Amino acid sequence: AFAAGYNPNEAVLAVTRGTLQRLTRDELQGVIGHEFSHILNGD
């Protein structure tokens, strides 16, 4: 998965098909939390 954009106002999140099909909801939430860190921290 990845997060991309110049700032939080126009950020996007992208995940692979494998992420959707292979992870539980808790695990998906952990991945999204990881990517939100990149959004919030200016990465």
All heavy atoms as atom14 arrays in JSON, in Angstrom:
{
  "sequence": "AFAAGYNPNEAVLAVTRGTLQRLTRDELQGVIGHEFSHILNGD",
  "atom14_mask": [
    [1, 1, 1, 1, 1, 0, 0, 0, 0, 0, 0, 0, 0, 0],
    [1, 1, 1, 1, 1, 1, 1, 1, 1, 1, 1, 0, 0, 0],
    [1, 1, 1, 1, 1, 0, 0, 0, 0, 0, 0, 0, 0, 0],
    [1, 1, 1, 1, 1, 0, 0, 0, 0, 0, 0, 0, 0, 0],
    [1, 1, 1, 1, 0, 0, 0, 0, 0, 0, 0, 0, 0, 0],
    [1, 1, 1, 1, 1, 1, 1, 1, 1, 1, 1, 1, 0, 0],
    [1, 1, 1, 1, 1, 1, 1, 1, 0, 0, 0, 0, 0, 0],
    [1, 1, 1, 1, 1, 1, 1, 0, 0, 0, 0, 0, 0, 0],
    [1, 1, 1, 1, 1, 1, 1, 1, 0, 0, 0, 0, 0, 0],
    [1, 1, 1, 1, 1, 1, 1, 1, 1, 0, 0, 0, 0, 0],
    [1, 1, 1, 1, 1, 0, 0, 0, 0, 0, 0, 0, 0, 0],
    [1, 1, 1, 1, 1, 1, 1, 0, 0, 0, 0, 0, 0, 0],
    [1, 1, 1, 1, 1, 1, 1, 1, 0, 0, 0, 0, 0, 0],
    [1, 1, 1, 1, 1, 0, 0, 0, 0, 0, 0, 0, 0, 0],
    [1, 1, 1, 1, 1, 1, 1, 0, 0, 0, 0, 0, 0, 0],
    [1, 1, 1, 1, 1, 1, 1, 0, 0, 0, 0, 0, 0, 0],
    [1, 1, 1, 1, 1, 1, 1, 1, 1, 1, 1, 0, 0, 0],
    [1, 1, 1, 1, 0, 0, 0, 0, 0, 0, 0, 0, 0, 0],
    [1, 1, 1, 1, 1, 1, 1, 0, 0, 0, 0, 0, 0, 0],
    [1, 1, 1, 1, 1, 1, 1, 1, 0, 0, 0, 0, 0, 0],
    [1, 1, 1, 1, 1, 1, 1, 1, 1, 0, 0, 0, 0, 0],
    [1, 1, 1, 1, 1, 1, 1, 1, 1, 1, 1, 0, 0, 0],
    [1, 1, 1, 1, 1, 1, 1, 1, 0, 0, 0, 0, 0, 0],
    [1, 1, 1, 1, 1, 1, 1, 0, 0, 0, 0, 0, 0, 0],
    [1, 1, 1, 1, 1, 1, 1, 1, 1, 1, 1, 0, 0, 0],
    [1, 1, 1, 1, 1, 1, 1, 1, 0, 0, 0, 0, 0, 0],
    [1, 1, 1, 1, 1, 1, 1, 1, 1, 0, 0, 0, 0, 0],
    [1, 1, 1, 1, 1, 1, 1, 1, 0, 0, 0, 0, 0, 0],
    [1, 1, 1, 1, 1, 1, 1, 1, 1, 0, 0, 0, 0, 0],
    [1, 1, 1, 1, 0, 0, 0, 0, 0, 0, 0, 0, 0, 0],
    [1, 1, 1, 1, 1, 1, 1, 0, 0, 0, 0, 0, 0, 0],
    [1, 1, 1, 1, 1, 1, 1, 1, 0, 0, 0, 0, 0, 0],
    [1, 1, 1, 1, 0, 0, 0, 0, 0, 0, 0, 0, 0, 0],
    [1, 1, 1, 1, 1, 1, 1, 1, 1, 1, 0, 0, 0, 0],
    [1, 1, 1, 1, 1, 1, 1, 1, 1, 0, 0, 0, 0, 0],
    [1, 1, 1, 1, 1, 1, 1, 1, 1, 1, 1, 0, 0, 0],
    [1, 1, 1, 1, 1, 1, 0, 0, 0, 0, 0, 0, 0, 0],
    [1, 1, 1, 1, 1, 1, 1, 1, 1, 1, 0, 0, 0, 0],
    [1, 1, 1, 1, 1, 1, 1, 1, 0, 0, 0, 0, 0, 0],
    [1, 1, 1, 1, 1, 1, 1, 1, 0, 0, 0, 0, 0, 0],
    [1, 1, 1, 1, 1, 1, 1, 1, 0, 0, 0, 0, 0, 0],
    [1, 1, 1, 1, 0, 0, 0, 0, 0, 0, 0, 0, 0, 0],
    [1, 1, 1, 1, 1, 1, 1, 1, 0, 0, 0, 0, 0, 0]
  ],
  "atom14_positions": [
    [[0.85, -1.19, 0.0], [0.0, 0.0, 0.0], [0.89, 1.23, 0.0], [2.08, 1.16, 0.32], [-0.92, 0.0, 1.23], [0.0, 0.0, 0.0], [0.0, 0.0, 0.0], [0.0, 0.0, 0.0], [0.0, 0.0, 0.0], [0.0, 0.0, 0.0], [0.0, 0.0, 0.0], [0.0, 0.0, 0.0], [0.0, 0.0, 0.0], [0.0, 0.0, 0.0]],
    [[0.32, 2.38, -0.36], [1.06, 3.64, -0.23], [0.08, 4.8, -0.11], [-1.11, 4.68, -0.44], [2.0, 3.87, -1.42], [1.34, 4.12, -2.75], [0.86, 5.37, -3.1], [1.21, 3.09, -3.69], [0.26, 5.6, -4.33], [0.61, 3.31, -4.92], [0.13, 4.57, -5.24], [0.0, 0.0, 0.0], [0.0, 0.0, 0.0], [0.0, 0.0, 0.0]],
    [[0.58, 5.91, 0.41], [-0.14, 7.19, 0.45], [0.65, 8.18, -0.37], [1.88, 8.16, -0.36], [-0.29, 7.68, 1.89], [0.0, 0.0, 0.0], [0.0, 0.0, 0.0], [0.0, 0.0, 0.0], [0.0, 0.0, 0.0], [0.0, 0.0, 0.0], [0.0, 0.0, 0.0], [0.0, 0.0, 0.0], [0.0, 0.0, 0.0], [0.0, 0.0, 0.0]],
    [[-0.04, 9.06, -1.09], [0.65, 10.03, -1.94], [-0.14, 11.33, -1.98], [-1.36, 11.34, -1.8], [0.84, 9.47, -3.35], [0.0, 0.0, 0.0], [0.0, 0.0, 0.0], [0.0, 0.0, 0.0], [0.0, 0.0, 0.0], [0.0, 0.0, 0.0], [0.0, 0.0, 0.0], [0.0, 0.0, 0.0], [0.0, 0.0, 0.0], [0.0, 0.0, 0.0]],
    [[0.57, 12.42, -2.23], [-0.05, 13.73, -2.32], [0.89, 14.79, -1.79], [1.91, 14.48, -1.16], [0.0, 0.0, 0.0], [0.0, 0.0, 0.0], [0.0, 0.0, 0.0], [0.0, 0.0, 0.0], [0.0, 0.0, 0.0], [0.0, 0.0, 0.0], [0.0, 0.0, 0.0], [0.0, 0.0, 0.0], [0.0, 0.0, 0.0], [0.0, 0.0, 0.0]],
    [[0.57, 16.04, -2.06], [1.4, 17.13, -1.58], [1.02, 17.58, -0.17], [1.83, 18.14, 0.55], [1.32, 18.33, -2.53], [2.1, 18.1, -3.81], [1.45, 17.88, -5.02], [3.49, 18.1, -3.81], [2.16, 17.67, -6.19], [4.22, 17.88, -4.97], [3.55, 17.67, -6.15], [4.26, 17.44, -7.31], [0.0, 0.0, 0.0], [0.0, 0.0, 0.0]],
    [[-0.22, 17.38, 0.24], [-0.63, 17.69, 1.61], [-1.9, 16.91, 1.91], [-2.51, 16.31, 1.02], [-0.81, 19.2, 1.81], [-1.93, 19.78, 0.96], [-3.06, 19.3, 1.0], [-1.64, 20.81, 0.19], [0.0, 0.0, 0.0], [0.0, 0.0, 0.0], [0.0, 0.0, 0.0], [0.0, 0.0, 0.0], [0.0, 0.0, 0.0], [0.0, 0.0, 0.0]],
    [[-2.33, 16.89, 3.17], [-3.49, 16.07, 3.54], [-4.77, 16.42, 2.79], [-5.67, 15.58, 2.69], [-3.65, 16.35, 5.05], [-2.27, 16.71, 5.51], [-1.66, 17.47, 4.37], [0.0, 0.0, 0.0], [0.0, 0.0, 0.0], [0.0, 0.0, 0.0], [0.0, 0.0, 0.0], [0.0, 0.0, 0.0], [0.0, 0.0, 0.0], [0.0, 0.0, 0.0]],
    [[-4.87, 17.64, 2.26], [-6.1, 18.03, 1.59], [-6.34, 17.28, 0.28], [-7.48, 17.22, -0.19], [-6.08, 19.54, 1.3], [-6.29, 20.36, 2.54], [-7.22, 20.12, 3.29], [-5.41, 21.31, 2.79], [0.0, 0.0, 0.0], [0.0, 0.0, 0.0], [0.0, 0.0, 0.0], [0.0, 0.0, 0.0], [0.0, 0.0, 0.0], [0.0, 0.0, 0.0]],
    [[-5.29, 16.75, -0.34], [-5.49, 16.05, -1.61], [-4.79, 14.7, -1.59], [-4.39, 14.19, -2.63], [-5.03, 16.92, -2.79], [-3.63, 17.48, -2.69], [-2.57, 16.55, -3.27], [-2.76, 16.03, -4.37], [-1.56, 16.33, -2.58], [0.0, 0.0, 0.0], [0.0, 0.0, 0.0], [0.0, 0.0, 0.0], [0.0, 0.0, 0.0], [0.0, 0.0, 0.0]],
    [[-4.67, 14.11, -0.42], [-4.01, 12.81, -0.3], [-4.85, 11.71, -0.91], [-6.08, 11.79, -0.97], [-3.73, 12.51, 1.17], [0.0, 0.0, 0.0], [0.0, 0.0, 0.0], [0.0, 0.0, 0.0], [0.0, 0.0, 0.0], [0.0, 0.0, 0.0], [0.0, 0.0, 0.0], [0.0, 0.0, 0.0], [0.0, 0.0, 0.0], [0.0, 0.0, 0.0]],
    [[-4.18, 10.67, -1.37], [-4.86, 9.45, -1.8], [-4.2, 8.27, -1.1], [-3.03, 8.32, -0.73], [-4.82, 9.25, -3.33], [-5.34, 10.45, -4.07], [-3.41, 8.89, -3.8], [0.0, 0.0, 0.0], [0.0, 0.0, 0.0], [0.0, 0.0, 0.0], [0.0, 0.0, 0.0], [0.0, 0.0, 0.0], [0.0, 0.0, 0.0], [0.0, 0.0, 0.0]],
    [[-4.98, 7.21, -0.92], [-4.47, 5.95, -0.39], [-4.67, 4.88, -1.46], [-5.74, 4.82, -2.08], [-5.22, 5.55, 0.87], [-4.79, 6.21, 2.18], [-5.82, 5.92, 3.27], [-3.44, 5.69, 2.61], [0.0, 0.0, 0.0], [0.0, 0.0, 0.0], [0.0, 0.0, 0.0], [0.0, 0.0, 0.0], [0.0, 0.0, 0.0], [0.0, 0.0, 0.0]],
    [[-3.66, 4.06, -1.67], [-3.76, 2.97, -2.64], [-3.33, 1.68, -1.97], [-2.34, 1.65, -1.25], [-2.88, 3.25, -3.86], [0.0, 0.0, 0.0], [0.0, 0.0, 0.0], [0.0, 0.0, 0.0], [0.0, 0.0, 0.0], [0.0, 0.0, 0.0], [0.0, 0.0, 0.0], [0.0, 0.0, 0.0], [0.0, 0.0, 0.0], [0.0, 0.0, 0.0]],
    [[-4.1, 0.62, -2.2], [-3.76, -0.7, -1.68], [-3.82, -1.7, -2.82], [-4.54, -1.5, -3.81], [-4.7, -1.14, -0.54], [-4.7, -0.14, 0.59], [-6.11, -1.37, -1.05], [0.0, 0.0, 0.0], [0.0, 0.0, 0.0], [0.0, 0.0, 0.0], [0.0, 0.0, 0.0], [0.0, 0.0, 0.0], [0.0, 0.0, 0.0], [0.0, 0.0, 0.0]],
    [[-3.08, -2.77, -2.7], [-3.11, -3.81, -3.72], [-4.33, -4.71, -3.54], [-4.93, -4.76, -2.46], [-1.85, -4.68, -3.65], [-1.8, -5.31, -2.36], [-0.59, -3.85, -3.84], [0.0, 0.0, 0.0], [0.0, 0.0, 0.0], [0.0, 0.0, 0.0], [0.0, 0.0, 0.0], [0.0, 0.0, 0.0], [0.0, 0.0, 0.0], [0.0, 0.0, 0.0]],
    [[-4.67, -5.44, -4.6], [-5.73, -6.42, -4.5], [-5.4, -7.47, -3.44], [-6.27, -7.92, -2.7], [-5.93, -7.08, -5.87], [-6.9, -8.24, -5.91], [-8.3, -7.86, -5.51], [-8.84, -6.77, -6.31], [-10.03, -6.21, -6.09], [-10.78, -6.64, -5.09], [-10.45, -5.23, -6.85], [0.0, 0.0, 0.0], [0.0, 0.0, 0.0], [0.0, 0.0, 0.0]],
    [[-4.11, -7.83, -3.36], [-3.71, -8.8, -2.35], [-3.95, -8.31, -0.94], [-4.28, -9.09, -0.04], [0.0, 0.0, 0.0], [0.0, 0.0, 0.0], [0.0, 0.0, 0.0], [0.0, 0.0, 0.0], [0.0, 0.0, 0.0], [0.0, 0.0, 0.0], [0.0, 0.0, 0.0], [0.0, 0.0, 0.0], [0.0, 0.0, 0.0], [0.0, 0.0, 0.0]],
    [[-3.78, -7.0, -0.7], [-4.04, -6.44, 0.62], [-5.51, -6.62, 1.0], [-5.83, -6.97, 2.14], [-3.67, -4.95, 0.64], [-2.28, -4.8, 0.33], [-3.94, -4.33, 2.0], [0.0, 0.0, 0.0], [0.0, 0.0, 0.0], [0.0, 0.0, 0.0], [0.0, 0.0, 0.0], [0.0, 0.0, 0.0], [0.0, 0.0, 0.0], [0.0, 0.0, 0.0]],
    [[-6.39, -6.39, 0.07], [-7.82, -6.55, 0.34], [-8.18, -8.0, 0.6], [-8.99, -8.31, 1.47], [-8.64, -6.02, -0.84], [-8.65, -4.51, -1.08], [-9.6, -4.18, -2.22], [-9.05, -3.75, 0.17], [0.0, 0.0, 0.0], [0.0, 0.0, 0.0], [0.0, 0.0, 0.0], [0.0, 0.0, 0.0], [0.0, 0.0, 0.0], [0.0, 0.0, 0.0]],
    [[-7.58, -8.9, -0.18], [-8.01, -10.3, -0.14], [-7.29, -11.14, 0.91], [-7.79, -12.2, 1.29], [-7.8, -10.93, -1.52], [-8.69, -10.33, -2.6], [-8.45, -10.95, -3.96], [-7.35, -11.45, -4.25], [-9.45, -10.93, -4.82], [0.0, 0.0, 0.0], [0.0, 0.0, 0.0], [0.0, 0.0, 0.0], [0.0, 0.0, 0.0], [0.0, 0.0, 0.0]],
    [[-6.14, -10.7, 1.37], [-5.34, -11.54, 2.25], [-5.33, -11.09, 3.71], [-4.88, -11.83, 4.58], [-3.89, -11.61, 1.74], [-3.74, -12.23, 0.36], [-2.28, -12.21, -0.08], [-2.1, -12.68, -1.45], [-1.95, -13.95, -1.8], [-1.96, -14.89, -0.88], [-1.79, -14.28, -3.07], [0.0, 0.0, 0.0], [0.0, 0.0, 0.0], [0.0, 0.0, 0.0]],
    [[-5.78, -9.87, 3.98], [-5.71, -9.34, 5.34], [-7.07, -9.33, 6.01], [-8.1, -9.14, 5.37], [-5.15, -7.91, 5.33], [-3.74, -7.71, 4.76], [-3.32, -6.26, 4.96], [-2.74, -8.65, 5.39], [0.0, 0.0, 0.0], [0.0, 0.0, 0.0], [0.0, 0.0, 0.0], [0.0, 0.0, 0.0], [0.0, 0.0, 0.0], [0.0, 0.0, 0.0]],
    [[-7.06, -9.51, 7.33], [-8.27, -9.33, 8.12], [-8.54, -7.84, 8.27], [-7.71, -7.0, 7.91], [-8.13, -9.95, 9.51], [-7.13, -9.19, 10.25], [-7.7, -11.4, 9.43], [0.0, 0.0, 0.0], [0.0, 0.0, 0.0], [0.0, 0.0, 0.0], [0.0, 0.0, 0.0], [0.0, 0.0, 0.0], [0.0, 0.0, 0.0], [0.0, 0.0, 0.0]],
    [[-9.68, -7.5, 8.85], [-10.0, -6.09, 9.01], [-9.01, -5.4, 9.95], [-8.6, -4.27, 9.69], [-11.42, -5.92, 9.54], [-11.91, -4.47, 9.46], [-13.3, -4.32, 10.04], [-13.91, -3.09, 9.59], [-13.65, -1.88, 10.11], [-12.77, -1.77, 11.08], [-14.25, -0.8, 9.64], [0.0, 0.0, 0.0], [0.0, 0.0, 0.0], [0.0, 0.0, 0.0]],
    [[-8.64, -6.05, 11.03], [-7.67, -5.47, 11.95], [-6.35, -5.2, 11.25], [-5.7, -4.16, 11.45], [-7.44, -6.39, 13.15], [-8.58, -6.32, 14.16], [-9.52, -5.52, 13.93], [-8.53, -7.05, 15.16], [0.0, 0.0, 0.0], [0.0, 0.0, 0.0], [0.0, 0.0, 0.0], [0.0, 0.0, 0.0], [0.0, 0.0, 0.0], [0.0, 0.0, 0.0]],
    [[-5.91, -6.16, 10.44], [-4.64, -6.0, 9.72], [-4.74, -4.9, 8.67], [-3.81, -4.1, 8.5], [-4.24, -7.33, 9.07], [-3.86, -8.4, 10.09], [-3.89, -9.81, 9.53], [-4.36, -9.99, 8.38], [-3.46, -10.74, 10.24], [0.0, 0.0, 0.0], [0.0, 0.0, 0.0], [0.0, 0.0, 0.0], [0.0, 0.0, 0.0], [0.0, 0.0, 0.0]],
    [[-5.88, -4.83, 7.99], [-6.09, -3.74, 7.03], [-6.07, -2.4, 7.74], [-5.49, -1.43, 7.25], [-7.44, -3.94, 6.32], [-7.85, -2.86, 5.32], [-6.86, -2.78, 4.16], [-9.26, -3.11, 4.8], [0.0, 0.0, 0.0], [0.0, 0.0, 0.0], [0.0, 0.0, 0.0], [0.0, 0.0, 0.0], [0.0, 0.0, 0.0], [0.0, 0.0, 0.0]],
    [[-6.66, -2.35, 8.92], [-6.66, -1.11, 9.68], [-5.23, -0.71, 10.09], [-4.88, 0.47, 10.08], [-7.54, -1.27, 10.92], [-7.84, 0.04, 11.63], [-8.8, -0.17, 12.77], [-8.52, -0.94, 13.68], [-9.93, 0.49, 12.73], [0.0, 0.0, 0.0], [0.0, 0.0, 0.0], [0.0, 0.0, 0.0], [0.0, 0.0, 0.0], [0.0, 0.0, 0.0]],
    [[-4.42, -1.7, 10.44], [-3.03, -1.4, 10.75], [-2.28, -0.83, 9.57], [-1.49, 0.12, 9.7], [0.0, 0.0, 0.0], [0.0, 0.0, 0.0], [0.0, 0.0, 0.0], [0.0, 0.0, 0.0], [0.0, 0.0, 0.0], [0.0, 0.0, 0.0], [0.0, 0.0, 0.0], [0.0, 0.0, 0.0], [0.0, 0.0, 0.0], [0.0, 0.0, 0.0]],
    [[-2.52, -1.38, 8.37], [-1.88, -0.87, 7.15], [-2.34, 0.56, 6.88], [-1.52, 1.44, 6.56], [-2.21, -1.79, 5.96], [-1.8, -1.13, 4.64], [-1.5, -3.13, 6.11], [0.0, 0.0, 0.0], [0.0, 0.0, 0.0], [0.0, 0.0, 0.0], [0.0, 0.0, 0.0], [0.0, 0.0, 0.0], [0.0, 0.0, 0.0], [0.0, 0.0, 0.0]],
    [[-3.64, 0.82, 7.01], [-4.15, 2.17, 6.77], [-3.6, 3.14, 7.81], [-3.27, 4.29, 7.5], [-5.7, 2.17, 6.78], [-6.24, 1.27, 5.66], [-6.23, 3.58, 6.62], [-5.76, 1.63, 4.27], [0.0, 0.0, 0.0], [0.0, 0.0, 0.0], [0.0, 0.0, 0.0], [0.0, 0.0, 0.0], [0.0, 0.0, 0.0], [0.0, 0.0, 0.0]],
    [[-3.47, 2.68, 9.06], [-2.86, 3.53, 10.08], [-1.43, 3.88, 9.74], [-0.98, 5.01, 9.95], [0.0, 0.0, 0.0], [0.0, 0.0, 0.0], [0.0, 0.0, 0.0], [0.0, 0.0, 0.0], [0.0, 0.0, 0.0], [0.0, 0.0, 0.0], [0.0, 0.0, 0.0], [0.0, 0.0, 0.0], [0.0, 0.0, 0.0], [0.0, 0.0, 0.0]],
    [[-0.68, 2.92, 9.21], [0.69, 3.15, 8.77], [0.72, 4.24, 7.7], [1.54, 5.17, 7.76], [1.26, 1.84, 8.22], [2.64, 1.96, 7.64], [3.77, 1.51, 8.31], [3.08, 2.45, 6.46], [4.82, 1.74, 7.55], [4.44, 2.3, 6.42], [0.0, 0.0, 0.0], [0.0, 0.0, 0.0], [0.0, 0.0, 0.0], [0.0, 0.0, 0.0]],
    [[-0.19, 4.15, 6.73], [-0.2, 5.13, 5.64], [-0.7, 6.49, 6.12], [-0.23, 7.53, 5.64], [-1.06, 4.62, 4.48], [-0.55, 3.32, 3.86], [0.92, 3.39, 3.45], [1.39, 4.47, 3.07], [1.6, 2.36, 3.54], [0.0, 0.0, 0.0], [0.0, 0.0, 0.0], [0.0, 0.0, 0.0], [0.0, 0.0, 0.0], [0.0, 0.0, 0.0]],
    [[-1.63, 6.5, 7.07], [-2.07, 7.79, 7.62], [-0.92, 8.49, 8.34], [-0.87, 9.72, 8.39], [-3.25, 7.59, 8.58], [-4.58, 7.92, 7.95], [-5.18, 7.03, 7.08], [-5.21, 9.12, 8.21], [-6.4, 7.32, 6.5], [-6.42, 9.43, 7.63], [-7.02, 8.53, 6.77], [0.0, 0.0, 0.0], [0.0, 0.0, 0.0], [0.0, 0.0, 0.0]],
    [[-0.01, 7.72, 8.91], [1.17, 8.34, 9.52], [1.95, 9.14, 8.48], [2.4, 10.25, 8.75], [2.06, 7.25, 10.13], [3.31, 7.78, 10.52], [0.0, 0.0, 0.0], [0.0, 0.0, 0.0], [0.0, 0.0, 0.0], [0.0, 0.0, 0.0], [0.0, 0.0, 0.0], [0.0, 0.0, 0.0], [0.0, 0.0, 0.0], [0.0, 0.0, 0.0]],
    [[2.11, 8.57, 7.29], [2.82, 9.3, 6.23], [2.06, 10.56, 5.83], [2.67, 11.58, 5.5], [3.01, 8.39, 5.02], [3.98, 7.27, 5.24], [5.25, 7.46, 5.74], [3.87, 5.93, 5.01], [5.88, 6.3, 5.82], [5.07, 5.35, 5.4], [0.0, 0.0, 0.0], [0.0, 0.0, 0.0], [0.0, 0.0, 0.0], [0.0, 0.0, 0.0]],
    [[0.72, 10.48, 5.83], [-0.09, 11.66, 5.49], [0.09, 12.75, 6.54], [0.32, 13.92, 6.22], [-1.58, 11.28, 5.37], [-1.8, 10.35, 4.17], [-2.45, 12.53, 5.22], [-3.22, 9.82, 4.06], [0.0, 0.0, 0.0], [0.0, 0.0, 0.0], [0.0, 0.0, 0.0], [0.0, 0.0, 0.0], [0.0, 0.0, 0.0], [0.0, 0.0, 0.0]],
    [[-0.01, 12.37, 7.81], [0.01, 13.35, 8.89], [1.4, 13.91, 9.16], [1.54, 15.04, 9.62], [-0.55, 12.73, 10.17], [-2.04, 12.36, 10.15], [-2.39, 11.51, 11.34], [-2.89, 13.62, 10.13], [0.0, 0.0, 0.0], [0.0, 0.0, 0.0], [0.0, 0.0, 0.0], [0.0, 0.0, 0.0], [0.0, 0.0, 0.0], [0.0, 0.0, 0.0]],
    [[2.44, 13.13, 8.89], [3.78, 13.52, 9.3], [4.58, 14.25, 8.23], [5.76, 14.51, 8.41], [4.57, 12.28, 9.75], [4.04, 11.73, 11.06], [3.52, 12.47, 11.88], [4.17, 10.43, 11.26], [0.0, 0.0, 0.0], [0.0, 0.0, 0.0], [0.0, 0.0, 0.0], [0.0, 0.0, 0.0], [0.0, 0.0, 0.0], [0.0, 0.0, 0.0]],
    [[3.95, 14.57, 7.11], [4.65, 15.36, 6.09], [5.55, 14.56, 5.2], [6.33, 15.14, 4.43], [0.0, 0.0, 0.0], [0.0, 0.0, 0.0], [0.0, 0.0, 0.0], [0.0, 0.0, 0.0], [0.0, 0.0, 0.0], [0.0, 0.0, 0.0], [0.0, 0.0, 0.0], [0.0, 0.0, 0.0], [0.0, 0.0, 0.0], [0.0, 0.0, 0.0]],
    [[5.49, 13.22, 5.26], [6.34, 12.4, 4.4], [5.95, 12.51, 2.94], [6.8, 12.42, 2.05], [6.24, 10.92, 4.81], [6.77, 10.66, 6.21], [7.44, 11.55, 6.75], [6.5, 9.58, 6.75], [0.0, 0.0, 0.0], [0.0, 0.0, 0.0], [0.0, 0.0, 0.0], [0.0, 0.0, 0.0], [0.0, 0.0, 0.0], [0.0, 0.0, 0.0]]
  ]
}
